[in-house]
Amino acid sequence: MQTVDIAVIGAGPVGLAFARTLAGSGLSVTLIDQQSREHLADPAFDGREIALTYASRALLETGGLWQHVSPDAISPLRDARVMDGHSPFALTFASAARHAGDLGWLVPNHLIRRAAWQAVQAQPGLEIRCGHRVRALQHTPTRVCVELADGARLSARLLVAADSRFSSTRRLLGIGAQLRDFGKTMLVCRVRHAVPHHHAAWEWFGYGKTLALLPLKGNRAGAVLTLPPRQVEALLAMDARAFGAAVTDAFEHRLGPMQQDGSRHAYPLIATYAQQFAGERAALIGDAAVGMHPVTAHGFNFGLQSQARLAERVLAAAARGGDIGAAAVVQGYARAHRLATRPLYEATNALAALYTDDRAPARLLRRGALRAANAVAPFKQAIAAHLTQRSV
């Protein structure tokens, strides 16, 4: 049986970033993923644009991932607008008003995945096993034994689950999760439009729909339409011309005519929060720990922070010759990450619930809340600092 220091289940961007953060530590790491090496090395475009905060960019730069993303693929996020219903009023967060540079950056998800893969190539002490599924886990006082579907086995001092919000590893560890199914589907697609977006992101809580616009370079954007599943199915069935007309109508022609500029993709809207972030010689990171509602654009940012928090504690334990899988290590990480994520997770779900409630009392509250927030400058600055992860 092969023995390693750390086994990471899931070679997505967070699992890969965690492995990269451990580079040079002398710890042996094995990454295990169900996908083929070809899919991991060259992931297909999936329609998703990731909003990165200052803290996330710093982590990507430190880990050597940012350098693998072409500057042409990075779009600055300079303003953010939150709108409600048919009103033209918007709660606005403008970088120019704060004299603080960009609010953040948008990078295609598949390019982040590719950059993470490229960053770990030829990393000493790292093995990546592609096309393998974990079948069972067994614990001893000092190790976790990982049994793969093909019968192969390896043991690790620490097991890290990084295999999505529907993590099978989390379940094998006996850790449950709070799942919130919003009963909606997100359709994502790049579009071209006539009116410039001025690098402003939109979050638009309409009646019966939620829209988002993620500004890319030129008169292009990532459009996100959150709708009941049947409406999304109808949009997916349209030809490109009819789809462009439907999206233009959905955005009430505010950016002029829109045309499809890439493939369409649909994802169920489900938020998850693990009941525990740590188990016996095990820790959950990324979406396996927290799968956010996308309204605050913090899912991947939380994921990057989770791997950094865990790596910091693992490296400290290794440096002092301690047990990297000890309860003090994984539980210390779990406490810190829960404290950092739970308030925004609950606030995000509450915000989504309020702004998708189309009953008359909720509509009044929705409009009043936006105007009140816009009128209090320190409150706006505090929100902007929290969401960009940059000090006021």
Protein backbone atom coordinates (compact mmCIF):
# COMPACT_ATOMS: atom_id res chain seq x y z
CA MET A 1 0.00 0.00 0.00
CA GLN A 2 1.32 3.42 -0.95
CA THR A 3 1.81 5.85 1.93
CA VAL A 4 1.71 9.64 1.58
CA ASP A 5 1.44 12.59 3.91
CA ILE A 6 -1.72 14.08 2.37
CA ALA A 7 -4.40 12.71 0.04
CA VAL A 8 -6.56 15.34 -1.67
CA ILE A 9 -9.79 14.16 -3.26
CA GLY A 10 -10.75 16.51 -6.09
CA ALA A 11 -8.37 18.18 -8.56
CA GLY A 12 -10.49 21.25 -9.17
CA PRO A 13 -8.95 24.70 -8.76
CA VAL A 14 -9.19 24.68 -4.94
CA GLY A 15 -7.70 21.21 -4.57
CA LEU A 16 -4.91 22.12 -6.98
CA ALA A 17 -4.32 25.46 -5.23
CA PHE A 18 -3.99 23.63 -1.90
CA ALA A 19 -1.39 21.30 -3.38
CA ARG A 20 0.45 24.29 -4.81
CA THR A 21 0.44 26.11 -1.46
CA LEU A 22 2.24 23.10 0.04
CA ALA A 23 5.02 23.22 -2.59
CA GLY A 24 8.49 23.17 -1.08
CA SER A 25 7.28 21.88 2.28
CA GLY A 26 8.69 18.38 1.86
CA LEU A 27 5.21 16.89 2.33
CA SER A 28 4.16 14.21 -0.13
CA VAL A 29 0.74 14.88 -1.69
CA THR A 30 -1.48 12.70 -3.87
CA LEU A 31 -4.38 14.29 -5.74
CA ILE A 32 -7.20 11.96 -6.84
CA ASP A 33 -9.90 12.92 -9.33
CA GLN A 34 -12.53 11.07 -11.36
CA GLN A 35 -11.89 13.13 -14.49
CA SER A 36 -9.38 12.20 -17.14
CA ARG A 37 -6.03 13.92 -17.37
CA GLU A 38 -7.11 15.49 -20.67
CA HIS A 39 -10.20 17.10 -19.11
CA LEU A 40 -8.23 18.42 -16.14
CA ALA A 41 -5.39 19.79 -18.27
CA ASP A 42 -7.64 21.50 -20.82
CA PRO A 43 -11.09 22.09 -19.28
CA ALA A 44 -13.86 23.14 -21.62
CA PHE A 45 -15.54 26.54 -21.46
CA ASP A 46 -18.45 26.24 -19.01
CA GLY A 47 -20.01 29.70 -19.27
CA ARG A 48 -19.03 30.79 -15.78
CA GLU A 49 -17.12 34.00 -15.10
CA ILE A 50 -15.46 34.16 -11.67
CA ALA A 51 -15.35 37.46 -9.76
CA LEU A 52 -12.07 37.62 -7.87
CA THR A 53 -11.42 39.82 -4.85
CA TYR A 54 -8.12 41.47 -3.94
CA ALA A 55 -7.44 38.72 -1.39
CA SER A 56 -8.06 36.00 -3.97
CA ARG A 57 -5.83 37.63 -6.56
CA ALA A 58 -3.06 37.86 -3.96
CA LEU A 59 -3.40 34.13 -3.21
CA LEU A 60 -3.34 33.28 -6.92
CA GLU A 61 -0.25 35.44 -7.44
CA THR A 62 1.57 33.96 -4.44
CA GLY A 63 0.77 30.43 -5.58
CA GLY A 64 1.96 31.07 -9.12
CA LEU A 65 -1.48 30.55 -10.69
CA TRP A 66 -2.19 34.13 -11.79
CA GLN A 67 0.82 34.12 -14.09
CA HIS A 68 -0.78 31.34 -16.14
CA VAL A 69 -3.87 33.44 -17.00
CA SER A 70 -3.56 35.55 -20.13
CA PRO A 71 -4.04 39.29 -19.42
CA ASP A 72 -6.44 39.37 -22.37
CA ALA A 73 -8.79 37.07 -20.44
CA ILE A 74 -8.89 39.26 -17.30
CA SER A 75 -11.67 41.86 -17.22
CA PRO A 76 -11.62 44.67 -14.64
CA LEU A 77 -14.70 45.16 -12.49
CA ARG A 78 -15.03 48.90 -11.86
CA ASP A 79 -18.61 49.36 -10.71
CA ALA A 80 -21.40 47.22 -9.30
CA ARG A 81 -25.10 48.02 -9.53
CA VAL A 82 -27.95 46.36 -7.61
CA MET A 83 -31.42 46.94 -9.06
CA ASP A 84 -34.93 45.92 -8.12
CA GLY A 85 -38.00 45.34 -10.26
CA HIS A 86 -38.64 47.73 -13.14
CA SER A 87 -37.18 50.76 -11.34
CA PRO A 88 -34.16 52.47 -12.95
CA PHE A 89 -32.78 53.22 -9.46
CA ALA A 90 -29.66 51.26 -8.50
CA LEU A 91 -27.58 50.82 -5.37
CA THR A 92 -24.16 51.57 -6.84
CA PHE A 93 -20.66 50.67 -5.72
CA ALA A 94 -18.27 52.69 -7.88
CA SER A 95 -14.50 52.30 -7.74
CA ALA A 96 -14.02 55.87 -8.98
CA ALA A 97 -16.05 57.24 -6.08
CA ARG A 98 -13.82 55.36 -3.62
CA HIS A 99 -10.54 56.32 -5.39
CA ALA A 100 -9.44 52.78 -4.75
CA GLY A 101 -8.87 51.21 -8.16
CA ASP A 102 -10.90 48.33 -9.53
CA LEU A 103 -13.46 46.56 -7.37
CA GLY A 104 -12.14 43.21 -8.57
CA TRP A 105 -11.55 41.14 -11.70
CA LEU A 106 -13.53 38.68 -13.80
CA VAL A 107 -11.79 35.58 -15.13
CA PRO A 108 -13.42 32.64 -16.96
CA ASN A 109 -13.74 29.62 -14.69
CA HIS A 110 -12.20 27.19 -17.18
CA LEU A 111 -9.08 29.37 -17.45
CA ILE A 112 -8.65 29.41 -13.67
CA ARG A 113 -8.90 25.62 -13.70
CA ARG A 114 -6.33 25.42 -16.50
CA ALA A 115 -3.98 27.82 -14.69
CA ALA A 116 -4.21 25.79 -11.49
CA TRP A 117 -3.34 22.62 -13.40
CA GLN A 118 -0.38 24.25 -15.12
CA ALA A 119 0.96 25.67 -11.86
CA VAL A 120 1.43 22.23 -10.26
CA GLN A 121 3.09 20.47 -13.16
CA ALA A 122 6.48 19.00 -12.24
CA GLN A 123 5.96 19.98 -8.59
CA PRO A 124 8.24 17.79 -6.44
CA GLY A 125 6.42 15.47 -4.06
CA LEU A 126 3.09 15.74 -5.91
CA GLU A 127 1.33 12.85 -7.64
CA ILE A 128 -1.94 13.26 -9.56
CA ARG A 129 -4.11 10.20 -10.13
CA CYS A 130 -6.69 10.90 -12.81
CA GLY A 131 -9.71 8.79 -13.70
CA HIS A 132 -10.03 7.31 -10.21
CA ARG A 133 -13.00 7.26 -7.84
CA VAL A 134 -12.82 6.77 -4.06
CA ARG A 135 -14.86 3.77 -2.94
CA ALA A 136 -14.22 3.61 0.80
CA LEU A 137 -12.33 5.15 3.71
CA GLN A 138 -10.91 3.46 6.79
CA HIS A 139 -9.37 5.20 9.79
CA THR A 140 -6.59 4.16 12.13
CA PRO A 141 -5.29 6.32 14.98
CA THR A 142 -2.49 7.64 12.78
CA ARG A 143 -3.73 7.36 9.19
CA VAL A 144 -6.66 7.31 6.76
CA CYS A 145 -6.76 4.44 4.28
CA VAL A 146 -8.26 5.41 0.91
CA GLU A 147 -9.63 2.60 -1.23
CA LEU A 148 -10.18 3.37 -4.91
CA ALA A 149 -12.81 1.82 -7.17
CA ASP A 150 -10.16 -0.21 -9.00
CA GLY A 151 -9.03 -1.79 -5.72
CA ALA A 152 -5.88 0.31 -5.29
CA ARG A 153 -5.23 1.59 -1.79
CA LEU A 154 -3.14 4.32 -0.22
CA SER A 155 -2.83 5.68 3.30
CA ALA A 156 -2.38 9.30 4.32
CA ARG A 157 -1.78 11.20 7.53
CA LEU A 158 -4.38 13.74 6.38
CA LEU A 159 -7.32 13.46 4.00
CA VAL A 160 -8.65 16.61 2.30
CA ALA A 161 -12.03 16.63 0.53
CA ALA A 162 -12.21 19.14 -2.33
CA ASP A 163 -14.73 17.37 -4.56
CA SER A 164 -17.59 19.87 -5.03
CA ARG A 165 -20.68 20.92 -3.07
CA PHE A 166 -22.11 17.44 -3.67
CA SER A 167 -18.96 15.84 -2.24
CA SER A 168 -19.05 12.04 -2.07
CA THR A 169 -15.96 12.15 0.17
CA ARG A 170 -17.86 14.26 2.69
CA ARG A 171 -20.52 11.57 2.77
CA LEU A 172 -17.95 8.79 3.17
CA LEU A 173 -16.63 10.71 6.18
CA GLY A 174 -20.12 10.66 7.68
CA ILE A 175 -20.45 14.44 7.53
CA GLY A 176 -23.82 15.83 6.56
CA ALA A 177 -24.56 19.15 4.90
CA GLN A 178 -27.28 21.75 4.98
CA LEU A 179 -28.61 21.95 1.43
CA ARG A 180 -30.83 24.79 0.30
CA ASP A 181 -32.48 24.15 -3.04
CA PHE A 182 -33.86 27.43 -4.37
CA GLY A 183 -35.93 25.61 -6.98
CA LYS A 184 -34.37 27.64 -9.79
CA THR A 185 -31.89 27.06 -12.57
CA MET A 186 -29.15 29.44 -13.68
CA LEU A 187 -28.58 29.83 -17.40
CA VAL A 188 -25.20 31.37 -18.23
CA CYS A 189 -24.03 32.56 -21.62
CA ARG A 190 -21.77 35.22 -23.07
CA VAL A 191 -23.53 37.93 -25.06
CA ARG A 192 -22.63 40.89 -27.24
CA HIS A 193 -24.60 44.10 -26.75
CA ALA A 194 -24.90 47.53 -28.35
CA VAL A 195 -24.67 49.89 -25.35
CA PRO A 196 -21.34 49.97 -23.42
CA HIS A 197 -21.42 48.45 -19.93
CA HIS A 198 -18.55 50.64 -18.63
CA HIS A 199 -17.25 47.60 -16.72
CA ALA A 200 -20.19 47.69 -14.32
CA ALA A 201 -21.60 44.43 -12.98
CA TRP A 202 -25.36 44.19 -12.54
CA GLU A 203 -27.38 42.23 -10.03
CA TRP A 204 -30.99 42.76 -11.01
CA PHE A 205 -33.78 41.32 -8.90
CA GLY A 206 -36.71 41.39 -11.27
CA TYR A 207 -40.17 40.02 -10.70
CA GLY A 208 -40.13 36.29 -11.36
CA LYS A 209 -36.49 36.39 -12.43
CA THR A 210 -33.02 37.35 -11.24
CA LEU A 211 -30.50 38.65 -13.75
CA ALA A 212 -26.79 39.30 -13.54
CA LEU A 213 -24.47 40.95 -16.01
CA LEU A 214 -20.72 40.35 -15.72
CA PRO A 215 -18.79 42.86 -17.87
CA LEU A 216 -16.08 41.50 -20.14
CA LYS A 217 -13.75 43.37 -22.48
CA GLY A 218 -15.45 45.24 -25.29
CA ASN A 219 -19.24 45.27 -25.56
CA ARG A 220 -19.42 41.73 -24.25
CA ALA A 221 -20.66 40.31 -20.99
CA GLY A 222 -21.53 37.14 -19.18
CA ALA A 223 -25.31 37.02 -18.79
CA VAL A 224 -26.84 35.01 -15.95
CA LEU A 225 -30.58 34.37 -15.91
CA THR A 226 -32.01 32.66 -12.83
CA LEU A 227 -35.45 31.27 -13.63
CA PRO A 228 -37.75 28.32 -12.97
CA PRO A 229 -36.33 25.19 -14.65
CA ARG A 230 -39.01 25.00 -17.35
CA GLN A 231 -38.28 28.54 -18.51
CA VAL A 232 -34.58 27.72 -18.73
CA GLU A 233 -35.37 24.58 -20.74
CA ALA A 234 -37.34 26.72 -23.18
CA LEU A 235 -34.42 29.16 -23.54
CA LEU A 236 -31.98 26.32 -24.13
CA ALA A 237 -34.20 24.99 -26.91
CA MET A 238 -34.22 28.29 -28.84
CA ASP A 239 -32.00 29.00 -31.80
CA ALA A 240 -29.37 31.73 -31.35
CA ARG A 241 -31.48 34.49 -32.90
CA ALA A 242 -34.54 33.77 -30.77
CA PHE A 243 -32.38 33.41 -27.68
CA GLY A 244 -30.76 36.80 -28.28
CA ALA A 245 -34.17 38.42 -28.59
CA ALA A 246 -35.34 36.73 -25.37
CA VAL A 247 -32.29 37.91 -23.42
CA THR A 248 -32.71 41.43 -24.81
CA ASP A 249 -36.30 41.43 -23.56
CA ALA A 250 -35.27 40.02 -20.17
CA PHE A 251 -32.81 42.91 -19.73
CA GLU A 252 -35.52 45.34 -20.86
CA HIS A 253 -33.35 46.60 -23.73
CA ARG A 254 -31.16 48.54 -21.27
CA LEU A 255 -28.02 47.55 -23.18
CA GLY A 256 -29.68 47.54 -26.58
CA PRO A 257 -29.95 44.41 -28.73
CA MET A 258 -28.10 41.35 -27.40
CA GLN A 259 -26.68 38.43 -29.37
CA GLN A 260 -25.41 35.10 -28.16
CA ASP A 261 -21.60 34.98 -28.12
CA GLY A 262 -20.82 31.44 -27.02
CA SER A 263 -22.40 28.25 -25.76
CA ARG A 264 -25.24 28.21 -23.21
CA HIS A 265 -24.96 26.31 -19.94
CA ALA A 266 -27.43 25.60 -17.13
CA TYR A 267 -26.81 24.83 -13.46
CA PRO A 268 -29.23 24.07 -10.61
CA LEU A 269 -29.27 26.73 -7.90
CA ILE A 270 -28.39 24.88 -4.70
CA ALA A 271 -26.40 26.25 -1.76
CA THR A 272 -24.65 23.91 0.69
CA TYR A 273 -22.98 24.26 4.07
CA ALA A 274 -21.25 21.27 5.66
CA GLN A 275 -22.31 20.45 9.21
CA GLN A 276 -18.63 20.07 10.04
CA PHE A 277 -15.53 21.22 8.19
CA ALA A 278 -13.32 18.60 9.82
CA GLY A 279 -13.48 14.95 10.78
CA GLU A 280 -11.05 12.33 12.00
CA ARG A 281 -7.79 13.16 10.20
CA ALA A 282 -9.81 14.94 7.54
CA ALA A 283 -10.79 18.43 6.43
CA LEU A 284 -13.21 19.85 3.86
CA ILE A 285 -12.21 22.74 1.61
CA GLY A 286 -13.78 24.58 -1.33
CA ASP A 287 -17.39 23.82 -2.19
CA ALA A 288 -17.19 20.60 -0.18
CA ALA A 289 -17.24 22.91 2.86
CA VAL A 290 -19.30 25.88 1.59
CA GLY A 291 -21.23 26.06 -1.66
CA MET A 292 -22.48 29.65 -1.90
CA HIS A 293 -25.47 31.19 -3.65
CA PRO A 294 -23.81 33.21 -6.45
CA VAL A 295 -25.53 36.53 -5.64
CA THR A 296 -22.53 37.82 -3.65
CA ALA A 297 -19.99 36.18 -6.00
CA HIS A 298 -18.03 34.76 -3.09
CA GLY A 299 -18.04 31.00 -3.68
CA PHE A 300 -14.62 30.63 -5.28
CA ASN A 301 -13.15 33.33 -3.06
CA PHE A 302 -14.21 31.37 0.02
CA GLY A 303 -12.76 28.25 -1.57
CA LEU A 304 -9.35 29.83 -2.08
CA GLN A 305 -9.38 31.11 1.48
CA SER A 306 -10.27 27.66 2.82
CA GLN A 307 -7.23 26.00 1.26
CA ALA A 308 -4.98 28.81 2.50
CA ARG A 309 -6.33 28.51 6.06
CA LEU A 310 -5.85 24.75 6.11
CA ALA A 311 -2.41 24.92 4.48
CA GLU A 312 -1.23 27.48 7.01
CA ARG A 313 -2.04 25.13 9.89
CA VAL A 314 -0.66 22.05 8.15
CA LEU A 315 2.62 23.81 7.32
CA ALA A 316 2.95 25.09 10.88
CA ALA A 317 2.45 21.59 12.27
CA ALA A 318 4.98 20.12 9.82
CA ALA A 319 7.54 22.81 10.64
CA ARG A 320 7.47 21.95 14.33
CA GLY A 321 7.55 18.20 13.64
CA GLY A 322 3.97 17.73 14.75
CA ASP A 323 1.10 15.60 13.49
CA ILE A 324 -0.41 17.29 10.42
CA GLY A 325 -3.64 15.32 10.81
CA ALA A 326 -4.09 15.97 14.53
CA ALA A 327 -7.45 17.13 15.82
CA ALA A 328 -5.94 20.45 16.89
CA VAL A 329 -4.89 21.14 13.29
CA VAL A 330 -8.11 20.24 11.47
CA GLN A 331 -10.44 21.58 14.16
CA GLY A 332 -8.49 24.83 14.35
CA TYR A 333 -9.00 25.23 10.61
CA ALA A 334 -12.68 24.34 10.90
CA ARG A 335 -13.34 26.97 13.56
CA ALA A 336 -11.55 29.69 11.63
CA HIS A 337 -13.26 28.93 8.33
CA ARG A 338 -16.70 28.68 9.89
CA LEU A 339 -16.23 32.04 11.59
CA ALA A 340 -15.16 33.59 8.28
CA THR A 341 -17.98 32.13 6.16
CA ARG A 342 -21.13 31.53 8.18
CA PRO A 343 -22.28 35.16 8.54
CA LEU A 344 -22.06 35.90 4.80
CA TYR A 345 -23.55 32.50 3.90
CA GLU A 346 -26.65 33.20 6.01
CA ALA A 347 -26.86 36.84 4.91
CA THR A 348 -26.61 35.81 1.26
CA ASN A 349 -29.42 33.29 1.60
CA ALA A 350 -31.58 35.84 3.43
CA LEU A 351 -30.89 38.43 0.73
CA ALA A 352 -31.77 35.94 -2.01
CA ALA A 353 -34.98 34.99 -0.21
CA LEU A 354 -36.09 38.62 0.22
CA TYR A 355 -35.26 39.73 -3.31
CA THR A 356 -36.98 36.77 -4.93
CA ASP A 357 -40.17 37.28 -2.90
CA ASP A 358 -42.54 39.08 -5.26
CA ARG A 359 -45.39 39.64 -2.79
CA ALA A 360 -46.41 43.28 -2.28
CA PRO A 361 -44.97 43.72 1.27
CA ALA A 362 -41.64 42.25 0.17
CA ARG A 363 -41.53 44.52 -2.89
CA LEU A 364 -41.87 47.58 -0.66
CA LEU A 365 -39.14 46.33 1.66
CA ARG A 366 -36.88 45.54 -1.29
CA ARG A 367 -37.12 49.06 -2.72
CA GLY A 368 -36.76 50.72 0.67
CA ALA A 369 -33.71 48.66 1.62
CA LEU A 370 -31.81 49.59 -1.55
CA ARG A 371 -32.51 53.30 -1.16
CA ALA A 372 -31.61 53.28 2.52
CA ALA A 373 -28.32 51.47 1.85
CA ASN A 374 -27.47 53.88 -0.96
CA ALA A 375 -28.06 56.90 1.29
CA VAL A 376 -25.61 55.83 4.03
CA ALA A 377 -22.08 56.26 2.69
CA PRO A 378 -20.20 54.49 5.54
CA PHE A 379 -22.52 51.49 5.18
CA LYS A 380 -21.87 51.32 1.44
CA GLN A 381 -18.13 51.58 2.02
CA ALA A 382 -18.23 48.78 4.58
CA ILE A 383 -20.15 46.51 2.20
CA ALA A 384 -17.75 47.27 -0.64
CA ALA A 385 -14.71 46.59 1.55
CA HIS A 386 -16.18 43.28 2.71
CA LEU A 387 -17.11 42.07 -0.77
CA THR A 388 -13.85 43.17 -2.42
CA GLN A 389 -11.82 41.99 0.62
CA ARG A 390 -9.94 45.24 0.64
CA SER A 391 -9.81 47.67 3.55
CA VAL A 392 -12.05 50.77 3.42
